[in-house]
PDB file of N, CA and C in Angstrom:
ATOM      1  N   MET A   1     -82.815-166.754 -24.212  1.00  0.00           N
ATOM      2  CA  MET A   1     -82.662-164.674 -24.521  1.00  0.00           C
ATOM      3  C   MET A   1     -82.637-164.439 -25.787  1.00  0.00           C
ATOM      4  N   ILE A   2     -82.530-165.177 -26.995  1.00  0.00           N
ATOM      5  CA  ILE A   2     -82.680-164.802 -28.375  1.00  0.00           C
ATOM      6  C   ILE A   2     -83.870-164.951 -28.268  1.00  0.00           C
ATOM      7  N   GLU A   3     -84.430-166.043 -27.872  1.00  0.00           N
ATOM      8  CA  GLU A   3     -86.093-166.072 -28.420  1.00  0.00           C
ATOM      9  C   GLU A   3     -87.027-164.738 -27.892  1.00  0.00           C
ATOM     10  N   GLU A   4     -86.616-164.480 -26.842  1.00  0.00           N
ATOM     11  CA  GLU A   4     -87.330-163.322 -26.327  1.00  0.00           C
ATOM     12  C   GLU A   4     -86.543-162.084 -27.226  1.00  0.00           C
ATOM     13  N   LEU A   5     -85.592-162.073 -27.368  1.00  0.00           N
ATOM     14  CA  LEU A   5     -85.266-160.683 -28.302  1.00  0.00           C
ATOM     15  C   LEU A   5     -85.946-160.944 -30.065  1.00  0.00           C
ATOM     16  N   VAL A   6     -86.115-162.113 -30.706  1.00  0.00           N
ATOM     17  CA  VAL A   6     -86.605-162.189 -32.046  1.00  0.00           C
ATOM     18  C   VAL A   6     -87.456-162.587 -32.151  1.00  0.00           C
ATOM     19  N   GLY A   7     -88.412-163.207 -30.951  1.00  0.00           N
ATOM     20  CA  GLY A   7     -89.728-163.857 -31.117  1.00  0.00           C
ATOM     21  C   GLY A   7     -89.525-165.490 -31.252  1.00  0.00           C
ATOM     22  N   ALA A   8     -90.464-166.108 -30.502  1.00  0.00           N
ATOM     23  CA  ALA A   8     -90.243-167.515 -30.601  1.00  0.00           C
ATOM     24  C   ALA A   8     -90.467-168.087 -32.341  1.00  0.00           C
ATOM     25  N   GLU A   9     -91.025-167.311 -32.770  1.00  0.00           N
ATOM     26  CA  GLU A   9     -91.622-168.131 -34.573  1.00  0.00           C
ATOM     27  C   GLU A   9     -90.178-167.858 -35.190  1.00  0.00           C
ATOM     28  N   ASN A  10     -89.149-166.524 -34.800  1.00  0.00           N
ATOM     29  CA  ASN A  10     -88.178-166.538 -35.585  1.00  0.00           C
ATOM     30  C   ASN A  10     -87.065-166.771 -35.046  1.00  0.00           C
ATOM     31  N   GLU A  11     -86.955-167.436 -34.458  1.00  0.00           N
ATOM     32  CA  GLU A  11     -85.965-167.878 -33.490  1.00  0.00           C
ATOM     33  C   GLU A  11     -85.155-168.877 -34.349  1.00  0.00           C
ATOM     34  N   PRO A  12     -85.590-170.197 -34.956  1.00  0.00           N
ATOM     35  CA  PRO A  12     -84.998-171.143 -35.454  1.00  0.00           C
ATOM     36  C   PRO A  12     -84.458-170.333 -36.815  1.00  0.00           C
ATOM     37  N   SER A  13     -84.664-169.520 -37.261  1.00  0.00           N
ATOM     38  CA  SER A  13     -83.801-169.286 -38.322  1.00  0.00           C
ATOM     39  C   SER A  13     -82.915-168.085 -38.588  1.00  0.00           C
ATOM     40  N   VAL A  14     -82.519-167.734 -36.973  1.00  0.00           N
ATOM     41  CA  VAL A  14     -81.064-166.677 -36.693  1.00  0.00           C
ATOM     42  C   VAL A  14     -79.958-167.322 -37.034  1.00  0.00           C
ATOM     43  N   PHE A  15     -78.913-166.635 -37.272  1.00  0.00           N
ATOM     44  CA  PHE A  15     -77.686-167.202 -37.556  1.00  0.00           C
ATOM     45  C   PHE A  15     -77.067-166.302 -36.734  1.00  0.00           C
ATOM     46  N   ARG A  16     -76.384-167.170 -35.926  1.00  0.00           N
ATOM     47  CA  ARG A  16     -75.291-166.605 -34.767  1.00  0.00           C
ATOM     48  C   ARG A  16     -74.068-166.781 -34.828  1.00  0.00           C
ATOM     49  N   LEU A  17     -72.976-165.498 -34.532  1.00  0.00           N
ATOM     50  CA  LEU A  17     -71.842-165.389 -34.780  1.00  0.00           C
ATOM     51  C   LEU A  17     -71.461-164.645 -33.247  1.00  0.00           C
ATOM     52  N   SER A  18     -70.159-165.697 -32.529  1.00  0.00           N
ATOM     53  CA  SER A  18     -69.521-164.840 -31.527  1.00  0.00           C
ATOM     54  C   SER A  18     -68.180-164.983 -31.567  1.00  0.00           C
ATOM     55  N   SER A  19     -67.519-164.153 -30.816  1.00  0.00           N
ATOM     56  CA  SER A  19     -66.077-164.182 -30.791  1.00  0.00           C
ATOM     57  C   SER A  19     -65.875-164.424 -29.695  1.00  0.00           C
ATOM     58  N   ASP A  20     -65.178-165.255 -28.743  1.00  0.00           N
ATOM     59  CA  ASP A  20     -64.398-165.454 -27.968  1.00  0.00           C
ATOM     60  C   ASP A  20     -62.933-164.945 -27.434  1.00  0.00           C
ATOM     61  N   LYS A  21     -62.703-164.312 -28.810  1.00  0.00           N
ATOM     62  CA  LYS A  21     -60.887-163.891 -28.995  1.00  0.00           C
ATOM     63  C   LYS A  21     -61.167-162.767 -28.188  1.00  0.00           C
ATOM     64  N   ARG A  22     -59.649-162.547 -27.485  1.00  0.00           N
ATOM     65  CA  ARG A  22     -59.378-161.009 -26.731  1.00  0.00           C
ATOM     66  C   ARG A  22     -58.639-160.195 -27.294  1.00  0.00           C
ATOM     67  N   ILE A  23     -59.278-159.316 -27.318  1.00  0.00           N
ATOM     68  CA  ILE A  23     -58.679-158.239 -27.862  1.00  0.00           C
ATOM     69  C   ILE A  23     -57.265-157.344 -27.396  1.00  0.00           C
ATOM     70  N   GLN A  24     -56.422-157.352 -27.680  1.00  0.00           N
ATOM     71  CA  GLN A  24     -54.886-157.018 -27.196  1.00  0.00           C
ATOM     72  C   GLN A  24     -55.097-155.309 -27.162  1.00  0.00           C
ATOM     73  N   LYS A  25     -54.466-154.770 -26.257  1.00  0.00           N
ATOM     74  CA  LYS A  25     -54.422-153.276 -26.070  1.00  0.00           C
ATOM     75  C   LYS A  25     -54.168-152.658 -27.064  1.00  0.00           C
ATOM     76  N   ASN A  26     -53.359-152.692 -27.848  1.00  0.00           N
ATOM     77  CA  ASN A  26     -52.718-152.246 -29.107  1.00  0.00           C
ATOM     78  C   ASN A  26     -53.597-151.904 -30.421  1.00  0.00           C
ATOM     79  N   GLN A  27     -54.723-153.051 -30.346  1.00  0.00           N
ATOM     80  CA  GLN A  27     -55.442-152.853 -31.254  1.00  0.00           C
ATOM     81  C   GLN A  27     -56.484-152.644 -31.896  1.00  0.00           C
ATOM     82  N   ASN A  28     -57.055-152.224 -33.122  1.00  0.00           N
ATOM     83  CA  ASN A  28     -58.193-151.221 -33.065  1.00  0.00           C
ATOM     84  C   ASN A  28     -59.246-152.180 -33.195  1.00  0.00           C
ATOM     85  N   PHE A  29     -60.215-151.519 -32.146  1.00  0.00           N
ATOM     86  CA  PHE A  29     -61.387-152.362 -31.742  1.00  0.00           C
ATOM     87  C   PHE A  29     -62.082-153.211 -33.068  1.00  0.00           C
ATOM     88  N   LEU A  30     -62.438-151.667 -34.142  1.00  0.00           N
ATOM     89  CA  LEU A  30     -63.433-152.196 -35.161  1.00  0.00           C
ATOM     90  C   LEU A  30     -62.387-153.190 -36.358  1.00  0.00           C
ATOM     91  N   SER A  31     -61.632-153.025 -36.238  1.00  0.00           N
ATOM     92  CA  SER A  31     -60.536-153.865 -37.596  1.00  0.00           C
ATOM     93  C   SER A  31     -60.364-155.344 -36.515  1.00  0.00           C
ATOM     94  N   PHE A  32     -60.513-155.677 -35.330  1.00  0.00           N
ATOM     95  CA  PHE A  32     -60.169-156.665 -34.549  1.00  0.00           C
ATOM     96  C   PHE A  32     -61.530-157.660 -34.833  1.00  0.00           C
ATOM     97  N   GLN A  33     -62.730-156.915 -34.385  1.00  0.00           N
ATOM     98  CA  GLN A  33     -64.023-157.457 -34.706  1.00  0.00           C
ATOM     99  C   GLN A  33     -64.325-158.165 -36.388  1.00  0.00           C
ATOM    100  N   ARG A  34     -64.028-157.065 -37.242  1.00  0.00           N
ATOM    101  CA  ARG A  34     -63.974-157.555 -38.604  1.00  0.00           C
ATOM    102  C   ARG A  34     -63.072-159.037 -38.803  1.00  0.00           C
ATOM    103  N   ASN A  35     -62.436-158.926 -38.326  1.00  0.00           N
ATOM    104  CA  ASN A  35     -61.188-160.209 -38.556  1.00  0.00           C
ATOM    105  C   ASN A  35     -61.684-161.070 -38.100  1.00  0.00           C
ATOM    106  N   SER A  36     -62.274-160.802 -36.612  1.00  0.00           N
ATOM    107  CA  SER A  36     -62.854-162.271 -35.778  1.00  0.00           C
ATOM    108  C   SER A  36     -63.710-162.607 -36.696  1.00  0.00           C
ATOM    109  N   LEU A  37     -64.938-161.885 -36.822  1.00  0.00           N
ATOM    110  CA  LEU A  37     -65.859-161.888 -37.864  1.00  0.00           C
ATOM    111  C   LEU A  37     -66.209-163.056 -38.755  1.00  0.00           C
ATOM    112  N   LYS A  38     -65.000-162.280 -39.533  1.00  0.00           N
ATOM    113  CA  LYS A  38     -64.625-162.897 -40.977  1.00  0.00           C
ATOM    114  C   LYS A  38     -64.018-164.456 -40.858  1.00  0.00           C
ATOM    115  N   GLU A  39     -63.523-164.678 -39.941  1.00  0.00           N
ATOM    116  CA  GLU A  39     -62.724-166.075 -39.619  1.00  0.00           C
ATOM    117  C   GLU A  39     -63.604-167.038 -38.956  1.00  0.00           C
ATOM    118  N   GLU A  40     -65.136-166.483 -38.216  1.00  0.00           N
ATOM    119  CA  GLU A  40     -66.097-167.442 -37.996  1.00  0.00           C
ATOM    120  C   GLU A  40     -66.676-167.681 -39.047  1.00  0.00           C
ATOM    121  N   LEU A  41     -66.951-166.438 -39.659  1.00  0.00           N
ATOM    122  CA  LEU A  41     -67.759-166.948 -41.110  1.00  0.00           C
ATOM    123  C   LEU A  41     -67.240-167.773 -41.826  1.00  0.00           C
ATOM    124  N   ALA A  42     -65.661-167.997 -42.227  1.00  0.00           N
ATOM    125  CA  ALA A  42     -65.238-168.873 -42.924  1.00  0.00           C
ATOM    126  C   ALA A  42     -65.086-170.124 -42.742  1.00  0.00           C
ATOM    127  N   THR A  43     -65.201-170.265 -41.340  1.00  0.00           N
ATOM    128  CA  THR A  43     -65.627-171.666 -40.726  1.00  0.00           C
ATOM    129  C   THR A  43     -67.004-172.131 -40.862  1.00  0.00           C
ATOM    130  N   LYS A  44     -68.021-171.299 -41.503  1.00  0.00           N
ATOM    131  CA  LYS A  44     -69.283-171.971 -41.513  1.00  0.00           C
ATOM    132  C   LYS A  44     -69.540-171.835 -43.142  1.00  0.00           C
ATOM    133  N   HIS A  45     -68.241-171.583 -43.863  1.00  0.00           N
ATOM    134  CA  HIS A  45     -68.434-171.213 -45.438  1.00  0.00           C
ATOM    135  C   HIS A  45     -69.177-169.917 -46.020  1.00  0.00           C
ATOM    136  N   LYS A  46     -69.033-169.145 -45.052  1.00  0.00           N
ATOM    137  CA  LYS A  46     -69.955-167.840 -45.493  1.00  0.00           C
ATOM    138  C   LYS A  46     -68.975-166.676 -45.715  1.00  0.00           C
ATOM    139  N   LYS A  47     -69.679-165.723 -46.028  1.00  0.00           N
ATOM    140  CA  LYS A  47     -68.706-164.173 -46.311  1.00  0.00           C
ATOM    141  C   LYS A  47     -69.644-163.342 -45.687  1.00  0.00           C
ATOM    142  N   PHE A  48     -69.279-162.038 -45.497  1.00  0.00           N
ATOM    143  CA  PHE A  48     -70.267-161.195 -45.061  1.00  0.00           C
ATOM    144  C   PHE A  48     -71.156-160.552 -46.007  1.00  0.00           C
ATOM    145  N   THR A  49     -71.208-161.153 -47.136  1.00  0.00           N
ATOM    146  CA  THR A  49     -72.417-161.344 -48.300  1.00  0.00           C
ATOM    147  C   THR A  49     -73.183-161.915 -48.484  1.00  0.00           C
ATOM    148  N   SER A  50     -73.011-162.994 -47.785  1.00  0.00           N
ATOM    149  CA  SER A  50     -73.966-164.138 -47.659  1.00  0.00           C
ATOM    150  C   SER A  50     -75.035-163.525 -47.011  1.00  0.00           C
ATOM    151  N   PHE A  51     -75.042-162.781 -46.565  1.00  0.00           N
ATOM    152  CA  PHE A  51     -76.316-161.838 -45.385  1.00  0.00           C
ATOM    153  C   PHE A  51     -76.945-160.933 -46.166  1.00  0.00           C
ATOM    154  N   LYS A  52     -76.977-160.398 -47.257  1.00  0.00           N
ATOM    155  CA  LYS A  52     -77.643-159.389 -47.967  1.00  0.00           C
ATOM    156  C   LYS A  52     -78.644-159.144 -47.267  1.00  0.00           C
ATOM    157  N   GLY A  53     -79.300-158.417 -47.033  1.00  0.00           N
ATOM    158  CA  GLY A  53     -80.956-158.045 -46.810  1.00  0.00           C
ATOM    159  C   GLY A  53     -81.279-158.433 -45.356  1.00  0.00           C
ATOM    160  N   TYR A  54     -80.192-159.510 -44.730  1.00  0.00           N
ATOM    161  CA  TYR A  54     -80.865-159.835 -43.312  1.00  0.00           C
ATOM    162  C   TYR A  54     -80.907-158.633 -42.356  1.00  0.00           C
ATOM    163  N   ARG A  55     -81.732-158.497 -41.241  1.00  0.00           N
ATOM    164  CA  ARG A  55     -81.578-157.747 -40.227  1.00  0.00           C
ATOM    165  C   ARG A  55     -80.664-158.165 -39.235  1.00  0.00           C
ATOM    166  N   ILE A  56     -79.681-157.270 -38.589  1.00  0.00           N
ATOM    167  CA  ILE A  56     -78.320-157.302 -37.562  1.00  0.00           C
ATOM    168  C   ILE A  56     -79.163-156.838 -36.065  1.00  0.00           C
ATOM    169  N   GLY A  57     -78.543-157.503 -35.513  1.00  0.00           N
ATOM    170  CA  GLY A  57     -78.306-157.573 -34.003  1.00  0.00           C
ATOM    171  C   GLY A  57     -76.818-157.679 -33.392  1.00  0.00           C
ATOM    172  N   ALA A  58     -76.465-156.842 -32.911  1.00  0.00           N
ATOM    173  CA  ALA A  58     -74.884-157.157 -32.607  1.00  0.00           C
ATOM    174  C   ALA A  58     -74.753-156.373 -31.286  1.00  0.00           C
ATOM    175  N   TYR A  59     -73.874-157.228 -30.299  1.00  0.00           N
ATOM    176  CA  TYR A  59     -73.732-156.566 -28.882  1.00  0.00           C
ATOM    177  C   TYR A  59     -72.053-156.839 -28.968  1.00  0.00           C
ATOM    178  N   ALA A  60     -71.491-156.093 -28.580  1.00  0.00           N
ATOM    179  CA  ALA A  60     -69.814-156.381 -28.161  1.00  0.00           C
ATOM    180  C   ALA A  60     -69.416-155.337 -26.653  1.00  0.00           C
ATOM    181  N   PHE A  61     -69.303-156.456 -25.990  1.00  0.00           N
ATOM    182  CA  PHE A  61     -68.865-155.635 -24.388  1.00  0.00           C
ATOM    183  C   PHE A  61     -67.975-154.708 -24.160  1.00  0.00           C
ATOM    184  N   PRO A  62     -68.349-153.651 -23.600  1.00  0.00           N
ATOM    185  CA  PRO A  62     -67.601-152.376 -23.260  1.00  0.00           C
ATOM    186  C   PRO A  62     -66.391-152.416 -23.218  1.00  0.00           C
ATOM    187  N   LYS A  63     -65.369-151.077 -23.210  1.00  0.00           N
ATOM    188  CA  LYS A  63     -63.984-151.501 -22.808  1.00  0.00           C
ATOM    189  C   LYS A  63     -63.579-151.349 -21.566  1.00  0.00           C
ATOM    190  N   HIS A  64     -64.766-150.905 -20.685  1.00  0.00           N
ATOM    191  CA  HIS A  64     -64.485-151.149 -18.935  1.00  0.00           C
ATOM    192  C   HIS A  64     -64.745-152.682 -18.632  1.00  0.00           C
ATOM    193  N   ASP A  65     -65.311-153.324 -19.448  1.00  0.00           N
ATOM    194  CA  ASP A  65     -65.481-154.730 -18.801  1.00  0.00           C
ATOM    195  C   ASP A  65     -64.398-155.818 -18.996  1.00  0.00           C
ATOM    196  N   LYS A  66     -64.317-156.517 -18.273  1.00  0.00           N
ATOM    197  CA  LYS A  66     -63.511-157.685 -18.400  1.00  0.00           C
ATOM    198  C   LYS A  66     -63.578-158.838 -19.621  1.00  0.00           C
ATOM    199  N   ARG A  67     -64.726-158.762 -20.066  1.00  0.00           N
ATOM    200  CA  ARG A  67     -64.828-159.350 -21.676  1.00  0.00           C
ATOM    201  C   ARG A  67     -64.902-158.441 -23.112  1.00  0.00           C
ATOM    202  N   TYR A  68     -63.814-157.578 -22.361  1.00  0.00           N
ATOM    203  CA  TYR A  68     -63.968-156.367 -23.852  1.00  0.00           C
ATOM    204  C   TYR A  68     -63.015-157.499 -25.356  1.00  0.00           C
ATOM    205  N   GLY A  69     -63.961-157.222 -26.297  1.00  0.00           N
ATOM    206  CA  GLY A  69     -63.144-157.669 -27.318  1.00  0.00           C
ATOM    207  C   GLY A  69     -64.369-158.740 -27.429  1.00  0.00           C
ATOM    208  N   LYS A  70     -65.056-159.512 -26.592  1.00  0.00           N
ATOM    209  CA  LYS A  70     -65.982-160.379 -26.993  1.00  0.00           C
ATOM    210  C   LYS A  70     -67.080-159.842 -27.701  1.00  0.00           C
ATOM    211  N   SER A  71     -67.613-160.481 -28.677  1.00  0.00           N
ATOM    212  CA  SER A  71     -68.890-159.659 -29.370  1.00  0.00           C
ATOM    213  C   SER A  71     -70.091-161.154 -29.729  1.00  0.00           C
ATOM    214  N   MET A  72     -71.276-160.582 -30.210  1.00  0.00           N
ATOM    215  CA  MET A  72     -72.271-161.334 -30.521  1.00  0.00           C
ATOM    216  C   MET A  72     -72.879-160.655 -31.579  1.00  0.00           C
ATOM    217  N   ILE A  73     -73.368-161.556 -32.709  1.00  0.00           N
ATOM    218  CA  ILE A  73     -74.070-161.091 -33.761  1.00  0.00           C
ATOM    219  C   ILE A  73     -75.053-162.103 -33.847  1.00  0.00           C
ATOM    220  N   LEU A  74     -76.205-161.372 -34.733  1.00  0.00           N
ATOM    221  CA  LEU A  74     -77.528-162.001 -34.337  1.00  0.00           C
ATOM    222  C   LEU A  74     -78.084-161.774 -35.576  1.00  0.00           C
ATOM    223  N   LEU A  75     -77.836-162.640 -37.028  1.00  0.00           N
ATOM    224  CA  LEU A  75     -78.611-162.339 -37.999  1.00  0.00           C
ATOM    225  C   LEU A  75     -79.924-162.829 -38.263  1.00  0.00           C
ATOM    226  N   LEU A  76     -80.664-162.128 -38.840  1.00  0.00           N
ATOM    227  CA  LEU A  76     -82.483-162.820 -39.250  1.00  0.00           C
ATOM    228  C   LEU A  76     -82.577-162.309 -40.575  1.00  0.00           C
ATOM    229  N   PRO A  77     -83.269-163.440 -41.504  1.00  0.00           N
ATOM    230  CA  PRO A  77     -83.493-163.046 -42.598  1.00  0.00           C
ATOM    231  C   PRO A  77     -84.959-161.747 -42.466  1.00  0.00           C
ATOM    232  N   SER A  78     -84.480-161.174 -43.573  1.00  0.00           N
ATOM    233  CA  SER A  78     -85.880-160.184 -43.731  1.00  0.00           C
ATOM    234  C   SER A  78     -87.019-160.961 -44.193  1.00  0.00           C
ATOM    235  N   ASN A  79     -88.050-160.421 -43.882  1.00  0.00           N
ATOM    236  CA  ASN A  79     -89.582-161.113 -44.107  1.00  0.00           C
ATOM    237  C   ASN A  79     -89.746-160.546 -44.996  1.00  0.00           C
TER     238      ASN A  79
END
């Protein structure tokens, strides 16, 4: 699926981030996602600033979905 989104030639250079954490009803969605992604980046020895100039694709499951709070972010170096 990623290959279809970014093209077969770009797929190997895509940096993927995803969060399987579930948001709690009393949490702010944006704050929750930011913290989850920051933790994920830290496990890969990266920071948000590591991707300056990258193209970003993101998806977050909507509030009515049972997977609400999960997300996926694709980072592709600019050409």
